[in-house]
Amino acid sequence: CVEDLQVSNMSRSAKGSAEQPGRNVRQKAG
């Protein structure tokens, strides 16, 4: 039984742009 989960979504908030910077970039870097 595998959890139906997208692992990449767990660090998606680190992404952002100049107009809308990402959140928790330092915590989730790397």
Full PDB file with SEQRES, HELIX, SHEET, SSBOND, CRYST1, ORIGX, SCALE, CONECT and MASTER records, all heavy atoms in Angstrom:
SEQRES   1 A   30  CYS VAL GLU ASP LEU GLN VAL SER ASN MET SER ARG SER          
SEQRES   2 A   30  ALA LYS GLY SER ALA GLU GLN PRO GLY ARG ASN VAL ARG          
SEQRES   3 A   30  GLN LYS ALA GLY                                              
HELIX    1 AA1 VAL A    7  ALA A   14  5                                   8    
CRYST1    1.000    1.000    1.000  90.00  90.00  90.00 P 1           1          
ORIGX1      1.000000  0.000000  0.000000        0.00000                         
ORIGX2      0.000000  1.000000  0.000000        0.00000                         
ORIGX3      0.000000  0.000000  1.000000        0.00000                         
SCALE1      1.000000  0.000000  0.000000        0.00000                         
SCALE2      0.000000  1.000000  0.000000        0.00000                         
SCALE3      0.000000  0.000000  1.000000        0.00000                         
ATOM      1  N   CYS A   1       0.857  -1.183   0.000  1.00  0.00           N  
ATOM      2  CA  CYS A   1       0.000   0.000   0.000  1.00  0.00           C  
ATOM      3  C   CYS A   1       0.893   1.234   0.000  1.00  0.00           C  
ATOM      4  O   CYS A   1       1.700   1.413   0.910  1.00  0.00           O  
ATOM      5  CB  CYS A   1      -0.924   0.020   1.208  1.00  0.00           C  
ATOM      6  SG  CYS A   1      -2.084  -1.364   1.254  1.00  0.00           S  
ATOM      7  N   VAL A   2       0.738   2.059  -1.028  1.00  0.00           N  
ATOM      8  CA  VAL A   2       1.554   3.248  -1.191  1.00  0.00           C  
ATOM      9  C   VAL A   2       0.672   4.475  -1.026  1.00  0.00           C  
ATOM     10  O   VAL A   2      -0.416   4.543  -1.603  1.00  0.00           O  
ATOM     11  CB  VAL A   2       2.241   3.269  -2.576  1.00  0.00           C  
ATOM     12  CG1 VAL A   2       3.156   4.475  -2.709  1.00  0.00           C  
ATOM     13  CG2 VAL A   2       3.018   1.977  -2.796  1.00  0.00           C  
ATOM     14  N   GLU A   3       1.132   5.433  -0.248  1.00  0.00           N  
ATOM     15  CA  GLU A   3       0.390   6.672  -0.061  1.00  0.00           C  
ATOM     16  C   GLU A   3       0.337   7.442  -1.370  1.00  0.00           C  
ATOM     17  O   GLU A   3       1.352   7.616  -2.046  1.00  0.00           O  
ATOM     18  CB  GLU A   3       1.066   7.508   1.021  1.00  0.00           C  
ATOM     19  CG  GLU A   3       0.314   8.764   1.395  1.00  0.00           C  
ATOM     20  CD  GLU A   3       1.003   9.525   2.504  1.00  0.00           C  
ATOM     21  OE1 GLU A   3       2.109   9.122   2.894  1.00  0.00           O  
ATOM     22  OE2 GLU A   3       0.420  10.511   2.973  1.00  0.00           O  
ATOM     23  N   ASP A   4      -0.835   7.881  -1.756  1.00  0.00           N  
ATOM     24  CA  ASP A   4      -1.025   8.633  -2.996  1.00  0.00           C  
ATOM     25  C   ASP A   4      -0.604  10.078  -2.758  1.00  0.00           C  
ATOM     26  O   ASP A   4      -1.415  10.950  -2.466  1.00  0.00           O  
ATOM     27  CB  ASP A   4      -2.487   8.556  -3.437  1.00  0.00           C  
ATOM     28  CG  ASP A   4      -2.675   9.111  -4.832  1.00  0.00           C  
ATOM     29  OD1 ASP A   4      -1.649   9.386  -5.482  1.00  0.00           O  
ATOM     30  OD2 ASP A   4      -3.817   9.261  -5.259  1.00  0.00           O  
ATOM     31  N   LEU A   5       0.693  10.325  -2.882  1.00  0.00           N  
ATOM     32  CA  LEU A   5       1.262  11.604  -2.477  1.00  0.00           C  
ATOM     33  C   LEU A   5       2.288  12.043  -3.509  1.00  0.00           C  
ATOM     34  O   LEU A   5       3.098  11.246  -3.976  1.00  0.00           O  
ATOM     35  CB  LEU A   5       1.926  11.478  -1.113  1.00  0.00           C  
ATOM     36  CG  LEU A   5       2.686  12.693  -0.573  1.00  0.00           C  
ATOM     37  CD1 LEU A   5       1.705  13.811  -0.269  1.00  0.00           C  
ATOM     38  CD2 LEU A   5       3.483  12.324   0.652  1.00  0.00           C  
ATOM     39  N   GLN A   6       2.272  13.317  -3.862  1.00  0.00           N  
ATOM     40  CA  GLN A   6       3.286  13.901  -4.728  1.00  0.00           C  
ATOM     41  C   GLN A   6       4.365  14.496  -3.837  1.00  0.00           C  
ATOM     42  O   GLN A   6       4.158  15.532  -3.199  1.00  0.00           O  
ATOM     43  CB  GLN A   6       2.661  14.989  -5.612  1.00  0.00           C  
ATOM     44  CG  GLN A   6       1.662  14.455  -6.606  1.00  0.00           C  
ATOM     45  CD  GLN A   6       2.266  14.341  -8.008  1.00  0.00           C  
ATOM     46  OE1 GLN A   6       3.483  14.339  -8.166  1.00  0.00           O  
ATOM     47  NE2 GLN A   6       1.416  14.229  -8.991  1.00  0.00           N  
ATOM     48  N   VAL A   7       5.542  13.844  -3.809  1.00  0.00           N  
ATOM     49  CA  VAL A   7       6.601  14.295  -2.914  1.00  0.00           C  
ATOM     50  C   VAL A   7       7.105  15.671  -3.313  1.00  0.00           C  
ATOM     51  O   VAL A   7       7.461  16.487  -2.452  1.00  0.00           O  
ATOM     52  CB  VAL A   7       7.753  13.264  -2.918  1.00  0.00           C  
ATOM     53  CG1 VAL A   7       8.856  13.695  -1.971  1.00  0.00           C  
ATOM     54  CG2 VAL A   7       7.235  11.906  -2.510  1.00  0.00           C  
ATOM     55  N   SER A   8       7.129  15.978  -4.610  1.00  0.00           N  
ATOM     56  CA  SER A   8       7.628  17.279  -5.047  1.00  0.00           C  
ATOM     57  C   SER A   8       6.761  18.429  -4.533  1.00  0.00           C  
ATOM     58  O   SER A   8       7.252  19.551  -4.378  1.00  0.00           O  
ATOM     59  CB  SER A   8       7.696  17.328  -6.576  1.00  0.00           C  
ATOM     60  OG  SER A   8       6.415  17.119  -7.132  1.00  0.00           O  
ATOM     61  N   ASN A   9       5.475  18.150  -4.245  1.00  0.00           N  
ATOM     62  CA  ASN A   9       4.606  19.203  -3.721  1.00  0.00           C  
ATOM     63  C   ASN A   9       4.997  19.619  -2.313  1.00  0.00           C  
ATOM     64  O   ASN A   9       4.650  20.714  -1.863  1.00  0.00           O  
ATOM     65  CB  ASN A   9       3.151  18.736  -3.720  1.00  0.00           C  
ATOM     66  CG  ASN A   9       2.606  18.545  -5.118  1.00  0.00           C  
ATOM     67  OD1 ASN A   9       3.232  18.956  -6.082  1.00  0.00           O  
ATOM     68  ND2 ASN A   9       1.451  17.907  -5.214  1.00  0.00           N  
ATOM     69  N   MET A  10       5.732  18.741  -1.604  1.00  0.00           N  
ATOM     70  CA  MET A  10       6.088  19.056  -0.221  1.00  0.00           C  
ATOM     71  C   MET A  10       7.094  20.183  -0.130  1.00  0.00           C  
ATOM     72  O   MET A  10       7.232  20.808   0.913  1.00  0.00           O  
ATOM     73  CB  MET A  10       6.633  17.792   0.462  1.00  0.00           C  
ATOM     74  CG  MET A  10       5.632  16.646   0.486  1.00  0.00           C  
ATOM     75  SD  MET A  10       6.322  15.117   1.116  1.00  0.00           S  
ATOM     76  CE  MET A  10       6.646  15.548   2.798  1.00  0.00           C  
ATOM     77  N   SER A  11       7.824  20.452  -1.207  1.00  0.00           N  
ATOM     78  CA  SER A  11       8.776  21.557  -1.197  1.00  0.00           C  
ATOM     79  C   SER A  11       8.439  22.601  -2.249  1.00  0.00           C  
ATOM     80  O   SER A  11       9.277  23.407  -2.616  1.00  0.00           O  
ATOM     81  CB  SER A  11      10.195  21.027  -1.438  1.00  0.00           C  
ATOM     82  OG  SER A  11      10.249  20.315  -2.656  1.00  0.00           O  
ATOM     83  N   ARG A  12       7.195  22.581  -2.757  1.00  0.00           N  
ATOM     84  CA  ARG A  12       6.815  23.509  -3.813  1.00  0.00           C  
ATOM     85  C   ARG A  12       6.794  24.940  -3.320  1.00  0.00           C  
ATOM     86  O   ARG A  12       7.032  25.871  -4.092  1.00  0.00           O  
ATOM     87  CB  ARG A  12       5.459  23.123  -4.385  1.00  0.00           C  
ATOM     88  CG  ARG A  12       4.950  24.068  -5.467  1.00  0.00           C  
ATOM     89  CD  ARG A  12       3.685  23.560  -6.103  1.00  0.00           C  
ATOM     90  NE  ARG A  12       3.913  22.338  -6.848  1.00  0.00           N  
ATOM     91  CZ  ARG A  12       2.974  21.679  -7.508  1.00  0.00           C  
ATOM     92  NH1 ARG A  12       1.722  22.120  -7.470  1.00  0.00           N  
ATOM     93  NH2 ARG A  12       3.255  20.582  -8.171  1.00  0.00           N  
ATOM     94  N   SER A  13       6.521  25.180  -2.046  1.00  0.00           N  
ATOM     95  CA  SER A  13       6.416  26.547  -1.551  1.00  0.00           C  
ATOM     96  C   SER A  13       7.743  27.280  -1.613  1.00  0.00           C  
ATOM     97  O   SER A  13       7.780  28.496  -1.496  1.00  0.00           O  
ATOM     98  CB  SER A  13       5.916  26.536  -0.102  1.00  0.00           C  
ATOM     99  OG  SER A  13       6.828  25.843   0.731  1.00  0.00           O  
ATOM    100  N   ALA A  14       8.859  26.567  -1.807  1.00  0.00           N  
ATOM    101  CA  ALA A  14      10.143  27.229  -1.927  1.00  0.00           C  
ATOM    102  C   ALA A  14      10.306  27.927  -3.264  1.00  0.00           C  
ATOM    103  O   ALA A  14      11.181  28.767  -3.429  1.00  0.00           O  
ATOM    104  CB  ALA A  14      11.277  26.220  -1.746  1.00  0.00           C  
ATOM    105  N   LYS A  15       9.474  27.558  -4.252  1.00  0.00           N  
ATOM    106  CA  LYS A  15       9.578  28.190  -5.557  1.00  0.00           C  
ATOM    107  C   LYS A  15       8.877  29.550  -5.530  1.00  0.00           C  
ATOM    108  O   LYS A  15       7.932  29.766  -4.789  1.00  0.00           O  
ATOM    109  CB  LYS A  15       8.939  27.300  -6.631  1.00  0.00           C  
ATOM    110  CG  LYS A  15       9.592  25.929  -6.740  1.00  0.00           C  
ATOM    111  CD  LYS A  15       8.896  25.105  -7.784  1.00  0.00           C  
ATOM    112  CE  LYS A  15       9.500  23.717  -7.868  1.00  0.00           C  
ATOM    113  NZ  LYS A  15       8.813  22.861  -8.882  1.00  0.00           N  
ATOM    114  N   GLY A  16       9.344  30.439  -6.390  1.00  0.00           N  
ATOM    115  CA  GLY A  16       8.726  31.743  -6.455  1.00  0.00           C  
ATOM    116  C   GLY A  16       9.311  32.564  -7.585  1.00  0.00           C  
ATOM    117  O   GLY A  16      10.152  32.083  -8.352  1.00  0.00           O  
ATOM    118  N   SER A  17       8.892  33.803  -7.676  1.00  0.00           N  
ATOM    119  CA  SER A  17       9.374  34.724  -8.698  1.00  0.00           C  
ATOM    120  C   SER A  17       9.712  36.047  -8.026  1.00  0.00           C  
ATOM    121  O   SER A  17       9.566  36.219  -6.819  1.00  0.00           O  
ATOM    122  CB  SER A  17       8.315  34.912  -9.794  1.00  0.00           C  
ATOM    123  OG  SER A  17       7.125  35.447  -9.252  1.00  0.00           O  
ATOM    124  N   ALA A  18      10.165  37.006  -8.863  1.00  0.00           N  
ATOM    125  CA  ALA A  18      10.498  38.318  -8.303  1.00  0.00           C  
ATOM    126  C   ALA A  18       9.261  39.019  -7.782  1.00  0.00           C  
ATOM    127  O   ALA A  18       9.313  39.753  -6.781  1.00  0.00           O  
ATOM    128  CB  ALA A  18      11.192  39.166  -9.374  1.00  0.00           C  
ATOM    129  N   GLU A  19       8.120  38.841  -8.475  1.00  0.00           N  
ATOM    130  CA  GLU A  19       6.872  39.485  -8.039  1.00  0.00           C  
ATOM    131  C   GLU A  19       6.269  38.767  -6.837  1.00  0.00           C  
ATOM    132  O   GLU A  19       5.734  39.400  -5.930  1.00  0.00           O  
ATOM    133  CB  GLU A  19       5.865  39.505  -9.191  1.00  0.00           C  
ATOM    134  CG  GLU A  19       6.285  40.384 -10.370  1.00  0.00           C  
ATOM    135  CD  GLU A  19       7.333  39.718 -11.232  1.00  0.00           C  
ATOM    136  OE1 GLU A  19       7.548  38.490 -11.034  1.00  0.00           O  
ATOM    137  OE2 GLU A  19       7.945  40.394 -12.074  1.00  0.00           O  
ATOM    138  N   GLN A  20       6.354  37.418  -6.824  1.00  0.00           N  
ATOM    139  CA  GLN A  20       5.791  36.624  -5.734  1.00  0.00           C  
ATOM    140  C   GLN A  20       6.863  35.688  -5.202  1.00  0.00           C  
ATOM    141  O   GLN A  20       6.992  34.541  -5.661  1.00  0.00           O  
ATOM    142  CB  GLN A  20       4.580  35.830  -6.221  1.00  0.00           C  
ATOM    143  CG  GLN A  20       3.421  36.698  -6.686  1.00  0.00           C  
ATOM    144  CD  GLN A  20       2.248  35.863  -7.156  1.00  0.00           C  
ATOM    145  OE1 GLN A  20       2.348  34.652  -7.306  1.00  0.00           O  
ATOM    146  NE2 GLN A  20       1.111  36.505  -7.387  1.00  0.00           N  
ATOM    147  N   PRO A  21       7.673  36.148  -4.263  1.00  0.00           N  
ATOM    148  CA  PRO A  21       8.759  35.299  -3.740  1.00  0.00           C  
ATOM    149  C   PRO A  21       8.204  34.067  -3.032  1.00  0.00           C  
ATOM    150  O   PRO A  21       7.100  34.072  -2.483  1.00  0.00           O  
ATOM    151  CB  PRO A  21       9.491  36.225  -2.759  1.00  0.00           C  
ATOM    152  CG  PRO A  21       9.055  37.609  -3.127  1.00  0.00           C  
ATOM    153  CD  PRO A  21       7.668  37.483  -3.675  1.00  0.00           C  
ATOM    154  N   GLY A  22       8.978  32.994  -3.060  1.00  0.00           N  
ATOM    155  CA  GLY A  22       8.576  31.761  -2.392  1.00  0.00           C  
ATOM    156  C   GLY A  22       8.674  31.864  -0.883  1.00  0.00           C  
ATOM    157  O   GLY A  22       9.311  32.768  -0.328  1.00  0.00           O  
ATOM    158  N   ARG A  23       8.023  30.929  -0.197  1.00  0.00           N  
ATOM    159  CA  ARG A  23       8.018  30.902   1.265  1.00  0.00           C  
ATOM    160  C   ARG A  23       8.928  29.785   1.763  1.00  0.00           C  
ATOM    161  O   ARG A  23       9.055  28.739   1.131  1.00  0.00           O  
ATOM    162  CB  ARG A  23       6.597  30.675   1.781  1.00  0.00           C  
ATOM    163  CG  ARG A  23       5.645  31.802   1.420  1.00  0.00           C  
ATOM    164  CD  ARG A  23       4.217  31.505   1.856  1.00  0.00           C  
ATOM    165  NE  ARG A  23       3.606  30.462   1.016  1.00  0.00           N  
ATOM    166  CZ  ARG A  23       3.388  29.236   1.430  1.00  0.00           C  
ATOM    167  NH1 ARG A  23       3.742  28.859   2.652  1.00  0.00           N  
ATOM    168  NH2 ARG A  23       2.827  28.349   0.621  1.00  0.00           N  
ATOM    169  N   ASN A  24       9.552  30.015   2.905  1.00  0.00           N  
ATOM    170  CA  ASN A  24      10.413  29.019   3.544  1.00  0.00           C  
ATOM    171  C   ASN A  24      11.525  28.554   2.600  1.00  0.00           C  
ATOM    172  O   ASN A  24      11.859  27.371   2.535  1.00  0.00           O  
ATOM    173  CB  ASN A  24       9.592  27.810   4.004  1.00  0.00           C  
ATOM    174  CG  ASN A  24       8.500  28.188   4.976  1.00  0.00           C  
ATOM    175  OD1 ASN A  24       8.668  29.113   5.782  1.00  0.00           O  
ATOM    176  ND2 ASN A  24       7.374  27.507   4.905  1.00  0.00           N  
ATOM    177  N   VAL A  25      12.100  29.506   1.867  1.00  0.00           N  
ATOM    178  CA  VAL A  25      13.133  29.143   0.901  1.00  0.00           C  
ATOM    179  C   VAL A  25      14.366  28.600   1.610  1.00  0.00           C  
ATOM    180  O   VAL A  25      14.932  27.586   1.214  1.00  0.00           O  
ATOM    181  CB  VAL A  25      13.490  30.365   0.032  1.00  0.00           C  
ATOM    182  CG1 VAL A  25      14.626  30.024  -0.918  1.00  0.00           C  
ATOM    183  CG2 VAL A  25      12.264  30.831  -0.740  1.00  0.00           C  
ATOM    184  N   ARG A  26      14.806  29.264   2.687  1.00  0.00           N  
ATOM    185  CA  ARG A  26      16.008  28.819   3.386  1.00  0.00           C  
ATOM    186  C   ARG A  26      15.794  27.456   4.048  1.00  0.00           C  
ATOM    187  O   ARG A  26      16.665  26.599   4.035  1.00  0.00           O  
ATOM    188  CB  ARG A  26      16.417  29.857   4.436  1.00  0.00           C  
ATOM    189  CG  ARG A  26      17.671  29.466   5.231  1.00  0.00           C  
ATOM    190  CD  ARG A  26      18.039  30.558   6.224  1.00  0.00           C  
ATOM    191  NE  ARG A  26      18.402  31.795   5.543  1.00  0.00           N  
ATOM    192  CZ  ARG A  26      19.632  32.033   5.092  1.00  0.00           C  
ATOM    193  NH1 ARG A  26      20.585  31.127   5.230  1.00  0.00           N  
ATOM    194  NH2 ARG A  26      19.892  33.168   4.502  1.00  0.00           N  
ATOM    195  N   GLN A  27      14.610  27.247   4.640  1.00  0.00           N  
ATOM    196  CA  GLN A  27      14.353  25.986   5.335  1.00  0.00           C  
ATOM    197  C   GLN A  27      14.299  24.817   4.358  1.00  0.00           C  
ATOM    198  O   GLN A  27      14.690  23.707   4.685  1.00  0.00           O  
ATOM    199  CB  GLN A  27      13.043  26.068   6.128  1.00  0.00           C  
ATOM    200  CG  GLN A  27      13.093  27.040   7.317  1.00  0.00           C  
ATOM    201  CD  GLN A  27      12.766  28.462   6.906  1.00  0.00           C  
ATOM    202  OE1 GLN A  27      12.912  28.823   5.745  1.00  0.00           O  
ATOM    203  NE2 GLN A  27      12.351  29.271   7.870  1.00  0.00           N  
ATOM    204  N   LYS A  28      13.787  25.078   3.150  1.00  0.00           N  
ATOM    205  CA  LYS A  28      13.584  23.987   2.202  1.00  0.00           C  
ATOM    206  C   LYS A  28      14.631  23.964   1.091  1.00  0.00           C  
ATOM    207  O   LYS A  28      14.487  23.229   0.136  1.00  0.00           O  
ATOM    208  CB  LYS A  28      12.196  24.099   1.567  1.00  0.00           C  
ATOM    209  CG  LYS A  28      11.069  23.893   2.573  1.00  0.00           C  
ATOM    210  CD  LYS A  28       9.731  23.845   1.890  1.00  0.00           C  
ATOM    211  CE  LYS A  28       8.618  23.546   2.886  1.00  0.00           C  
ATOM    212  NZ  LYS A  28       7.302  23.440   2.234  1.00  0.00           N  
ATOM    213  N   ALA A  29      15.683  24.767   1.241  1.00  0.00           N  
ATOM    214  CA  ALA A  29      16.706  24.805   0.198  1.00  0.00           C  
ATOM    215  C   ALA A  29      17.410  23.461   0.114  1.00  0.00           C  
ATOM    216  O   ALA A  29      17.845  22.894   1.111  1.00  0.00           O  
ATOM    217  CB  ALA A  29      17.724  25.916   0.496  1.00  0.00           C  
ATOM    218  N   GLY A  30      17.518  22.933  -1.073  1.00  0.00           N  
ATOM    219  CA  GLY A  30      18.247  21.681  -1.289  1.00  0.00           C  
ATOM    220  C   GLY A  30      17.457  20.421  -1.058  1.00  0.00           C  
ATOM    221  O   GLY A  30      17.991  19.330  -1.227  1.00  0.00           O  
TER     222      GLY A  30                                                      
MASTER        0    0    0    1    0    0    0    6  221    1    0    3          
END                                                                             
